[in-house]
């Protein structure tokens, strides 16, 4: 096992030496400059050529279509005069996007989207919030589109395992969303479509006017940047009206960072294996290295190989772990969070039990997709793998490690009342 661990460290540590990182940075900079001039799938200029002033007001429905969740929020903008209360989120709903939703083809996917919007509006009814006129909606779309106006754009290949473009690729995204909404009689109007990274930049700029770049680190990865129009080749802007160019000095650019680095990023045998098995190999190489969608799968591939060649888990793979993408990155985050309470002798057995629970336990014993911090129920049930009852720690997770680890660490993470923080942060600068 020591030899195998040394092999893993070689692949994941030696490739990130300072000279290698400098060479990678140089390559990515050159790729950025090239894509600013020629690519039709990255460095995509939006129609937004100004940033918020912070004085905008009104009530809006924000739609955020991500790789793992569809988030909706009713937002009240009050302007800078109210300071920290300039942006007030009245209510929210989060709908997980599982394999069933990702598998929806074409209009079936957008019917699902309209259903969720209707469910959001039915929560309390939006008439009291907005009167009788259509409720303006803004969509943050975490996937590539070829924008044709501030509220429309042609649907492009989505990636991340989605089948929604099947049969409708190239059609207008606004029309695909509004058609089922109209059919359901929803009093809404989609007024703006932005990429998720652009939405992050705009939201932060409302609070902090100096914001010029954003970074998405979640299920996938992306970035948006506010650049001079002159930095992009004129062909990149398509056939937009001449009036747009007369008023635009800068433009928000969706970099589609996930697609970068194919010929420059270091690659391990497990990266290569993931790429070979992927529905769209080589489509998003950077995202394959850092996205939450893929980190769990990389570790799963390593564990499966380690079981065969190094006798990990006594040569017996935890049930369910043979299935692709069975190991969620949230489980890895939970393991890392509680690593300090796993001693050396029980390290592998505890992880094996955690993987067993993650892939075979009933839903009530699996980590919930919540942003609520972990709570400690008074009487946790016995772990279904080891059948031992493990008392919860009396101190916080950040306290010094206990001198004696509990019988089974997974009990901390998979008790029915436990909530593991598994959402991915979005940051902007």
Protein backbone atom coordinates (compact mmCIF):
# COMPACT_ATOMS: atom_id res chain seq x y z
CA UNK A 1 0.00 0.00 0.00
CA UNK A 2 2.87 2.41 0.75
CA UNK A 3 4.22 1.96 -2.77
CA UNK A 4 0.79 2.66 -4.23
CA UNK A 5 0.38 5.80 -2.13
CA UNK A 6 3.79 6.97 -3.32
CA UNK A 7 2.63 6.46 -6.92
CA UNK A 8 -0.46 8.60 -6.29
CA UNK A 9 1.59 11.37 -4.68
CA UNK A 10 3.94 11.38 -7.65
CA UNK A 11 1.09 12.05 -10.07
CA UNK A 12 -0.64 14.69 -7.96
CA UNK A 13 2.29 16.49 -6.32
CA UNK A 14 5.27 16.38 -8.67
CA UNK A 15 3.26 17.91 -11.52
CA UNK A 16 2.54 21.09 -9.52
CA UNK A 17 6.12 22.23 -9.00
CA UNK A 18 6.74 25.96 -9.40
CA UNK A 19 8.32 25.64 -12.89
CA UNK A 20 5.42 23.49 -14.08
CA UNK A 21 2.84 25.92 -12.70
CA UNK A 22 4.58 28.87 -14.36
CA UNK A 23 4.62 27.02 -17.67
CA UNK A 24 0.92 26.17 -17.25
CA UNK A 25 0.10 29.81 -16.46
CA UNK A 26 1.95 30.98 -19.56
CA UNK A 27 0.07 28.48 -21.72
CA UNK A 28 -3.32 29.46 -20.29
CA UNK A 29 -2.59 33.17 -20.84
CA UNK A 30 -1.74 32.48 -24.47
CA UNK A 31 -4.89 30.39 -24.82
CA UNK A 32 -6.99 33.24 -23.38
CA UNK A 33 -5.57 35.71 -25.90
CA UNK A 34 -6.17 33.28 -28.76
CA UNK A 35 -9.76 32.60 -27.69
CA UNK A 36 -10.46 36.34 -27.44
CA UNK A 37 -9.85 36.51 -31.18
CA UNK A 38 -11.17 33.27 -32.65
CA UNK A 39 -13.16 30.83 -30.50
CA UNK A 40 -16.93 30.56 -31.01
CA UNK A 41 -17.48 28.56 -27.80
CA UNK A 42 -15.43 30.56 -25.28
CA UNK A 43 -14.60 34.19 -24.48
CA UNK A 44 -18.19 34.95 -25.39
CA UNK A 45 -19.20 38.64 -25.18
CA UNK A 46 -22.55 39.23 -23.51
CA UNK A 47 -24.92 42.07 -24.37
CA UNK A 48 -24.23 43.69 -21.00
CA UNK A 49 -21.86 46.61 -21.45
CA UNK A 50 -22.45 48.40 -18.14
CA UNK A 51 -22.25 47.33 -14.50
CA UNK A 52 -24.90 48.10 -11.85
CA UNK A 53 -24.75 51.49 -10.16
CA UNK A 54 -26.26 50.16 -6.94
CA UNK A 55 -29.24 52.49 -7.29
CA UNK A 56 -31.48 50.01 -9.17
CA UNK A 57 -34.74 49.10 -7.36
CA UNK A 58 -37.63 46.68 -7.79
CA UNK A 59 -38.78 43.10 -7.21
CA UNK A 60 -37.43 40.31 -9.40
CA UNK A 61 -37.44 36.54 -9.66
CA UNK A 62 -33.88 35.25 -9.96
CA UNK A 63 -33.40 31.87 -11.67
CA UNK A 64 -30.05 30.10 -11.27
CA UNK A 65 -29.66 26.96 -13.37
CA UNK A 66 -26.53 25.19 -12.12
CA UNK A 67 -25.04 21.78 -12.59
CA UNK A 68 -26.42 20.36 -9.32
CA UNK A 69 -29.34 22.60 -8.36
CA UNK A 70 -31.97 24.88 -9.82
CA UNK A 71 -32.23 27.81 -7.43
CA UNK A 72 -34.99 30.40 -7.41
CA UNK A 73 -35.12 33.55 -5.30
CA UNK A 74 -37.56 36.43 -5.03
CA UNK A 75 -35.27 39.44 -4.64
CA UNK A 76 -36.05 43.01 -3.60
CA UNK A 77 -33.51 45.64 -4.69
CA UNK A 78 -33.71 48.74 -2.49
CA UNK A 79 -30.74 50.80 -3.69
CA UNK A 80 -27.63 52.00 -1.92
CA UNK A 81 -29.52 54.30 0.43
CA UNK A 82 -30.34 51.35 2.67
CA UNK A 83 -26.71 50.19 3.00
CA UNK A 84 -26.47 46.50 3.89
CA UNK A 85 -30.20 46.12 3.16
CA UNK A 86 -29.79 47.23 -0.46
CA UNK A 87 -30.50 43.65 -1.61
CA UNK A 88 -33.12 41.64 0.26
CA UNK A 89 -33.93 38.01 -0.60
CA UNK A 90 -37.58 37.53 0.33
CA UNK A 91 -37.75 33.78 -0.21
CA UNK A 92 -35.92 31.01 -1.99
CA UNK A 93 -36.40 27.49 -3.26
CA UNK A 94 -33.74 24.96 -4.27
CA UNK A 95 -34.51 21.99 -6.49
CA UNK A 96 -31.77 19.34 -6.77
CA UNK A 97 -30.86 18.26 -10.30
CA UNK A 98 -30.36 14.52 -10.17
CA UNK A 99 -29.64 11.96 -12.89
CA UNK A 100 -33.33 11.80 -13.80
CA UNK A 101 -33.49 15.54 -14.50
CA UNK A 102 -30.18 15.51 -16.38
CA UNK A 103 -31.58 12.77 -18.62
CA UNK A 104 -34.61 14.85 -19.71
CA UNK A 105 -34.48 15.54 -23.44
CA UNK A 106 -35.34 18.80 -25.15
CA UNK A 107 -38.65 20.41 -24.23
CA UNK A 108 -39.20 17.91 -21.39
CA UNK A 109 -36.38 19.59 -19.49
CA UNK A 110 -37.85 23.07 -19.97
CA UNK A 111 -41.30 21.80 -18.93
CA UNK A 112 -39.60 20.73 -15.70
CA UNK A 113 -38.13 24.24 -15.34
CA UNK A 114 -41.56 25.89 -15.79
CA UNK A 115 -43.03 23.48 -13.25
CA UNK A 116 -40.45 24.59 -10.68
CA UNK A 117 -41.15 28.30 -11.41
CA UNK A 118 -44.86 27.63 -10.88
CA UNK A 119 -44.10 25.87 -7.61
CA UNK A 120 -42.05 28.86 -6.47
CA UNK A 121 -44.83 31.33 -7.30
CA UNK A 122 -47.43 29.14 -5.59
CA UNK A 123 -45.46 29.22 -2.32
CA UNK A 124 -47.08 32.45 -1.13
CA UNK A 125 -48.38 33.91 -4.36
CA UNK A 126 -46.38 36.71 -5.97
CA UNK A 127 -49.21 39.15 -6.60
CA UNK A 128 -48.80 40.73 -3.16
CA UNK A 129 -45.12 41.27 -3.93
CA UNK A 130 -45.46 42.67 -7.40
CA UNK A 131 -49.01 43.75 -8.18
CA UNK A 132 -50.77 42.67 -11.37
CA UNK A 133 -48.01 43.13 -13.97
CA UNK A 134 -45.68 40.35 -15.12
CA UNK A 135 -42.98 39.53 -12.61
CA UNK A 136 -39.60 40.22 -14.31
CA UNK A 137 -37.23 37.26 -14.26
CA UNK A 138 -33.48 37.09 -14.72
CA UNK A 139 -31.81 33.81 -15.60
CA UNK A 140 -28.27 32.80 -14.69
CA UNK A 141 -27.48 29.95 -17.10
CA UNK A 142 -24.44 27.88 -16.13
CA UNK A 143 -23.88 26.58 -19.65
CA UNK A 144 -22.72 28.00 -23.00
CA UNK A 145 -25.15 29.96 -25.17
CA UNK A 146 -24.67 32.13 -28.22
CA UNK A 147 -26.29 35.33 -27.03
CA UNK A 148 -28.41 37.30 -29.53
CA UNK A 149 -29.74 39.97 -27.15
CA UNK A 150 -29.84 40.71 -23.43
CA UNK A 151 -32.80 38.31 -23.09
CA UNK A 152 -32.22 35.71 -25.80
CA UNK A 153 -29.59 33.36 -27.11
CA UNK A 154 -29.09 30.12 -29.03
CA UNK A 155 -28.78 27.00 -26.88
CA UNK A 156 -25.37 25.27 -27.14
CA UNK A 157 -24.07 21.92 -25.86
CA UNK A 158 -24.43 21.92 -22.07
CA UNK A 159 -22.01 19.30 -20.77
CA UNK A 160 -22.12 18.10 -17.12
CA UNK A 161 -24.16 15.06 -18.21
CA UNK A 162 -27.22 17.06 -19.37
CA UNK A 163 -29.34 15.83 -22.30
CA UNK A 164 -31.57 18.94 -22.49
CA UNK A 165 -30.08 20.10 -25.80
CA UNK A 166 -31.17 16.93 -27.61
CA UNK A 167 -33.51 18.02 -30.40
CA UNK A 168 -33.47 21.73 -29.44
CA UNK A 169 -29.82 22.75 -29.75
CA UNK A 170 -29.60 26.06 -31.60
CA UNK A 171 -33.09 27.20 -30.55
CA UNK A 172 -33.71 30.38 -28.54
CA UNK A 173 -33.33 29.78 -24.79
CA UNK A 174 -35.86 32.50 -23.88
CA UNK A 175 -38.50 30.89 -26.08
CA UNK A 176 -37.77 27.42 -24.65
CA UNK A 177 -38.39 28.70 -21.11
CA UNK A 178 -41.26 31.11 -21.77
CA UNK A 179 -43.35 28.72 -23.93
CA UNK A 180 -44.15 26.27 -21.07
CA UNK A 181 -44.55 29.22 -18.66
CA UNK A 182 -47.19 30.79 -20.93
CA UNK A 183 -48.87 27.43 -21.33
CA UNK A 184 -49.17 27.23 -17.53
CA UNK A 185 -50.55 30.77 -17.31
CA UNK A 186 -47.64 32.10 -15.28
CA UNK A 187 -47.56 35.89 -14.98
CA UNK A 188 -43.82 36.22 -15.60
CA UNK A 189 -41.51 37.71 -18.22
CA UNK A 190 -37.92 36.65 -18.82
CA UNK A 191 -36.04 39.94 -19.23
CA UNK A 192 -32.39 38.96 -18.95
CA UNK A 193 -30.18 35.93 -19.57
CA UNK A 194 -26.62 35.87 -18.31
CA UNK A 195 -24.07 33.19 -17.76
CA UNK A 196 -23.68 32.17 -14.11
CA UNK A 197 -20.24 33.71 -13.85
CA UNK A 198 -21.57 36.97 -15.33
CA UNK A 199 -24.47 36.92 -12.86
CA UNK A 200 -21.99 36.53 -10.00
CA UNK A 201 -20.01 39.52 -11.27
CA UNK A 202 -23.16 41.65 -11.65
CA UNK A 203 -24.52 40.73 -8.21
CA UNK A 204 -21.26 41.62 -6.48
CA UNK A 205 -20.88 44.82 -8.53
CA UNK A 206 -24.29 45.95 -7.19
CA UNK A 207 -22.72 45.91 -3.71
CA UNK A 208 -19.12 46.74 -4.63
CA UNK A 209 -18.64 48.96 -7.72
CA UNK A 210 -14.95 48.05 -8.14
CA UNK A 211 -15.78 44.41 -9.05
CA UNK A 212 -14.39 43.41 -12.45
CA UNK A 213 -14.00 39.61 -12.38
CA UNK A 214 -15.84 36.62 -10.91
CA UNK A 215 -15.01 32.97 -10.35
CA UNK A 216 -17.35 29.99 -10.09
CA UNK A 217 -16.14 26.99 -8.09
CA UNK A 218 -18.95 24.50 -7.73
CA UNK A 219 -20.22 21.49 -9.64
CA UNK A 220 -18.32 23.08 -12.52
CA UNK A 221 -16.02 26.06 -12.91
CA UNK A 222 -16.14 29.28 -14.91
CA UNK A 223 -15.17 32.93 -14.81
CA UNK A 224 -16.45 36.22 -16.21
CA UNK A 225 -14.51 39.44 -16.72
CA UNK A 226 -15.37 43.03 -17.63
CA UNK A 227 -13.14 43.87 -20.62
CA UNK A 228 -12.76 46.65 -23.18
CA UNK A 229 -14.73 45.90 -26.33
CA UNK A 230 -11.50 46.39 -28.27
CA UNK A 231 -9.94 43.35 -26.56
CA UNK A 232 -12.14 41.01 -28.63
CA UNK A 233 -12.19 40.45 -32.37
CA UNK A 234 -15.17 42.18 -33.99
CA UNK A 235 -16.33 38.82 -35.38
CA UNK A 236 -16.90 37.61 -31.82
CA UNK A 237 -19.86 39.98 -31.46
CA UNK A 238 -21.90 38.45 -34.28
CA UNK A 239 -24.58 40.54 -35.96
CA UNK A 240 -25.64 42.78 -33.09
CA UNK A 241 -26.89 46.30 -33.98
CA UNK A 242 -24.39 49.03 -34.74
CA UNK A 243 -26.06 51.13 -32.01
CA UNK A 244 -24.73 48.66 -29.44
CA UNK A 245 -21.14 49.38 -30.46
CA UNK A 246 -21.76 53.12 -30.36
CA UNK A 247 -22.71 52.95 -26.67
CA UNK A 248 -20.46 50.09 -25.43
CA UNK A 249 -16.89 50.75 -24.28
CA UNK A 250 -16.65 47.58 -22.16
CA UNK A 251 -18.49 44.26 -22.13
CA UNK A 252 -18.95 41.36 -19.72
CA UNK A 253 -17.20 38.34 -21.24
CA UNK A 254 -18.06 34.75 -20.38
CA UNK A 255 -14.69 33.01 -20.53
CA UNK A 256 -16.01 29.40 -20.44
CA UNK A 257 -12.89 28.64 -18.42
CA UNK A 258 -13.90 24.97 -18.09
CA UNK A 259 -12.83 24.32 -21.69
CA UNK A 260 -9.22 25.49 -21.29
CA UNK A 261 -5.97 23.58 -20.90
CA UNK A 262 -6.41 20.47 -23.03
CA UNK A 263 -2.78 20.42 -24.17
CA UNK A 264 -1.25 21.90 -21.03
CA UNK A 265 -2.90 20.51 -17.90
CA UNK A 266 -1.13 17.65 -16.10
CA UNK A 267 -2.95 14.36 -16.48
CA UNK A 268 -2.91 11.24 -14.33
CA UNK A 269 -4.06 7.76 -15.44
CA UNK A 270 -7.31 8.39 -13.56
CA UNK A 271 -7.87 11.72 -15.33
CA UNK A 272 -7.36 9.89 -18.62
CA UNK A 273 -9.79 7.15 -17.60
CA UNK A 274 -12.47 9.69 -16.61
CA UNK A 275 -12.02 11.48 -19.92
CA UNK A 276 -12.30 8.24 -21.92
CA UNK A 277 -15.56 7.30 -20.20
CA UNK A 278 -17.05 10.79 -20.41
CA UNK A 279 -20.00 11.54 -22.67
CA UNK A 280 -18.04 14.46 -24.18
CA UNK A 281 -14.33 13.66 -23.91
CA UNK A 282 -11.95 16.64 -24.04
CA UNK A 283 -14.87 19.10 -23.95
CA UNK A 284 -14.10 20.60 -20.51
CA UNK A 285 -10.59 19.52 -19.42
CA UNK A 286 -10.11 22.26 -16.82
CA UNK A 287 -13.46 21.45 -15.19
CA UNK A 288 -12.54 17.77 -15.05
CA UNK A 289 -9.58 18.71 -12.80
CA UNK A 290 -11.37 21.02 -10.36
CA UNK A 291 -15.17 20.61 -10.67
CA UNK A 292 -17.22 19.08 -7.89
CA UNK A 293 -18.94 16.92 -10.49
CA UNK A 294 -15.68 15.05 -11.14
CA UNK A 295 -13.47 15.08 -8.02
CA UNK A 296 -15.46 12.29 -6.36
CA UNK A 297 -15.22 10.18 -9.52
CA UNK A 298 -11.43 10.63 -9.69
CA UNK A 299 -11.14 9.36 -6.11
CA UNK A 300 -13.52 6.48 -6.85
CA UNK A 301 -11.35 5.37 -9.78
CA UNK A 302 -8.26 5.46 -7.54
CA UNK A 303 -10.00 3.43 -4.83
CA UNK A 304 -11.19 0.80 -7.30
CA UNK A 305 -7.66 0.43 -8.69
CA UNK A 306 -6.16 0.37 -5.19
CA UNK A 307 -8.50 -2.44 -4.21
CA UNK A 308 -7.32 -4.54 -7.17
CA UNK A 309 -3.58 -3.82 -7.13
CA UNK A 310 -2.85 -2.98 -3.48
CA UNK A 311 -5.48 -4.88 -1.51
CA UNK A 312 -7.29 -1.78 -0.21
CA UNK A 313 -10.35 -2.63 1.92
CA UNK A 314 -8.95 -6.18 2.18
CA UNK A 315 -9.66 -6.60 -1.51
CA UNK A 316 -13.40 -6.12 -1.06
CA UNK A 317 -14.92 -3.06 -2.75
CA UNK A 318 -17.77 -1.40 -0.79
CA UNK A 319 -21.08 -2.24 -2.43
CA UNK A 320 -22.15 0.39 -4.95
CA UNK A 321 -18.70 1.88 -5.40
CA UNK A 322 -18.28 0.03 -8.68
CA UNK A 323 -20.86 2.37 -10.23
CA UNK A 324 -19.54 5.46 -12.01
CA UNK A 325 -20.05 8.73 -10.08
CA UNK A 326 -21.33 6.80 -7.05
CA UNK A 327 -18.91 8.68 -4.80
CA UNK A 328 -20.14 12.24 -4.36
CA UNK A 329 -17.58 14.97 -3.79
CA UNK A 330 -19.62 16.02 -0.73
CA UNK A 331 -18.64 12.73 0.92
CA UNK A 332 -14.96 13.54 0.35
CA UNK A 333 -15.49 16.96 1.95
CA UNK A 334 -17.07 15.28 4.98
CA UNK A 335 -14.17 12.82 5.27
CA UNK A 336 -11.64 15.65 5.12
CA UNK A 337 -13.58 17.70 7.63
CA UNK A 338 -13.45 14.92 10.23
CA UNK A 339 -10.04 13.48 9.40
CA UNK A 340 -8.65 14.71 12.72
CA UNK A 341 -10.80 12.18 14.64
CA UNK A 342 -9.63 9.18 12.64
CA UNK A 343 -6.49 7.60 14.03
CA UNK A 344 -3.95 5.83 11.85
CA UNK A 345 -5.02 2.30 12.76
CA UNK A 346 -8.69 2.83 11.97
CA UNK A 347 -8.20 5.23 9.03
CA UNK A 348 -8.98 2.87 6.18
CA UNK A 349 -11.74 0.97 8.01
CA UNK A 350 -13.52 4.20 8.88
CA UNK A 351 -13.30 5.47 5.32
CA UNK A 352 -14.52 2.09 4.06
CA UNK A 353 -17.54 2.36 6.36
CA UNK A 354 -18.22 5.91 5.19
CA UNK A 355 -18.09 4.80 1.55
CA UNK A 356 -20.39 1.90 2.40
CA UNK A 357 -22.91 4.30 3.91
CA UNK A 358 -22.55 6.76 1.04
CA UNK A 359 -23.35 4.13 -1.59
CA UNK A 360 -25.68 1.67 0.15
CA UNK A 361 -27.41 3.28 3.14
CA UNK A 362 -31.08 4.30 2.90
CA UNK A 363 -31.77 7.98 2.14
CA UNK A 364 -32.36 8.80 5.80
CA UNK A 365 -28.77 7.81 6.56
CA UNK A 366 -27.13 9.62 3.67
CA UNK A 367 -25.82 13.18 3.83
CA UNK A 368 -28.51 15.64 2.85
CA UNK A 369 -27.89 18.24 0.14
CA UNK A 370 -28.23 21.14 2.55
CA UNK A 371 -26.26 24.24 3.41
CA UNK A 372 -27.11 23.76 7.10
CA UNK A 373 -24.06 23.08 9.31
CA UNK A 374 -23.65 19.67 10.90
CA UNK A 375 -25.76 19.18 14.00
CA UNK A 376 -25.19 16.62 16.72
CA UNK A 377 -28.28 14.64 17.77
CA UNK A 378 -28.23 13.43 21.32
CA UNK A 379 -28.71 9.73 20.60
CA UNK A 380 -27.36 8.72 17.18
CA UNK A 381 -28.41 5.33 15.88
CA UNK A 382 -25.89 2.55 15.47
CA UNK A 383 -23.91 2.60 12.26
CA UNK A 384 -25.52 0.11 9.82
CA UNK A 385 -22.05 -1.18 8.90
CA UNK A 386 -20.36 -1.64 12.28
CA UNK A 387 -23.52 -1.68 14.48
CA UNK A 388 -21.77 0.39 17.16
CA UNK A 389 -23.33 3.42 18.76
CA UNK A 390 -20.93 6.33 18.54
CA UNK A 391 -21.40 9.26 20.92
CA UNK A 392 -21.13 12.63 19.26
CA UNK A 393 -18.29 14.94 20.27
CA UNK A 394 -19.13 17.48 22.93
CA UNK A 395 -16.94 20.14 21.33
CA UNK A 396 -17.30 21.88 17.99
CA UNK A 397 -15.75 20.43 14.82
CA UNK A 398 -13.02 23.07 15.03
CA UNK A 399 -12.05 22.13 18.60
CA UNK A 400 -8.83 20.16 19.33
CA UNK A 401 -9.07 16.49 18.30
CA UNK A 402 -10.39 14.13 20.98
CA UNK A 403 -7.79 11.86 22.58
CA UNK A 404 -9.78 8.73 21.73
CA UNK A 405 -11.72 8.38 18.48
CA UNK A 406 -15.30 7.06 18.60
CA UNK A 407 -16.06 3.47 17.51
CA UNK A 408 -17.18 4.57 14.06
CA UNK A 409 -16.62 8.03 12.66
CA UNK A 410 -19.29 7.66 9.92
CA UNK A 411 -21.97 7.79 12.61
CA UNK A 412 -21.14 11.49 12.98
CA UNK A 413 -21.88 12.10 9.35
CA UNK A 414 -24.85 9.88 8.60
CA UNK A 415 -27.13 10.10 11.62
CA UNK A 416 -30.67 10.99 10.41
CA UNK A 417 -30.59 14.46 11.97
CA UNK A 418 -27.09 15.29 10.73
CA UNK A 419 -26.78 17.86 7.99
CA UNK A 420 -23.52 17.89 6.07
CA UNK A 421 -22.61 21.10 4.30
CA UNK A 422 -22.12 19.92 0.73
CA UNK A 423 -22.96 22.97 -1.39
CA UNK A 424 -20.15 24.63 -3.33
CA UNK A 425 -19.36 28.29 -2.77
CA UNK A 426 -19.49 30.96 -5.45
CA UNK A 427 -16.97 33.70 -5.08
CA UNK A 428 -16.23 36.96 -6.80
CA UNK A 429 -13.50 39.54 -6.50
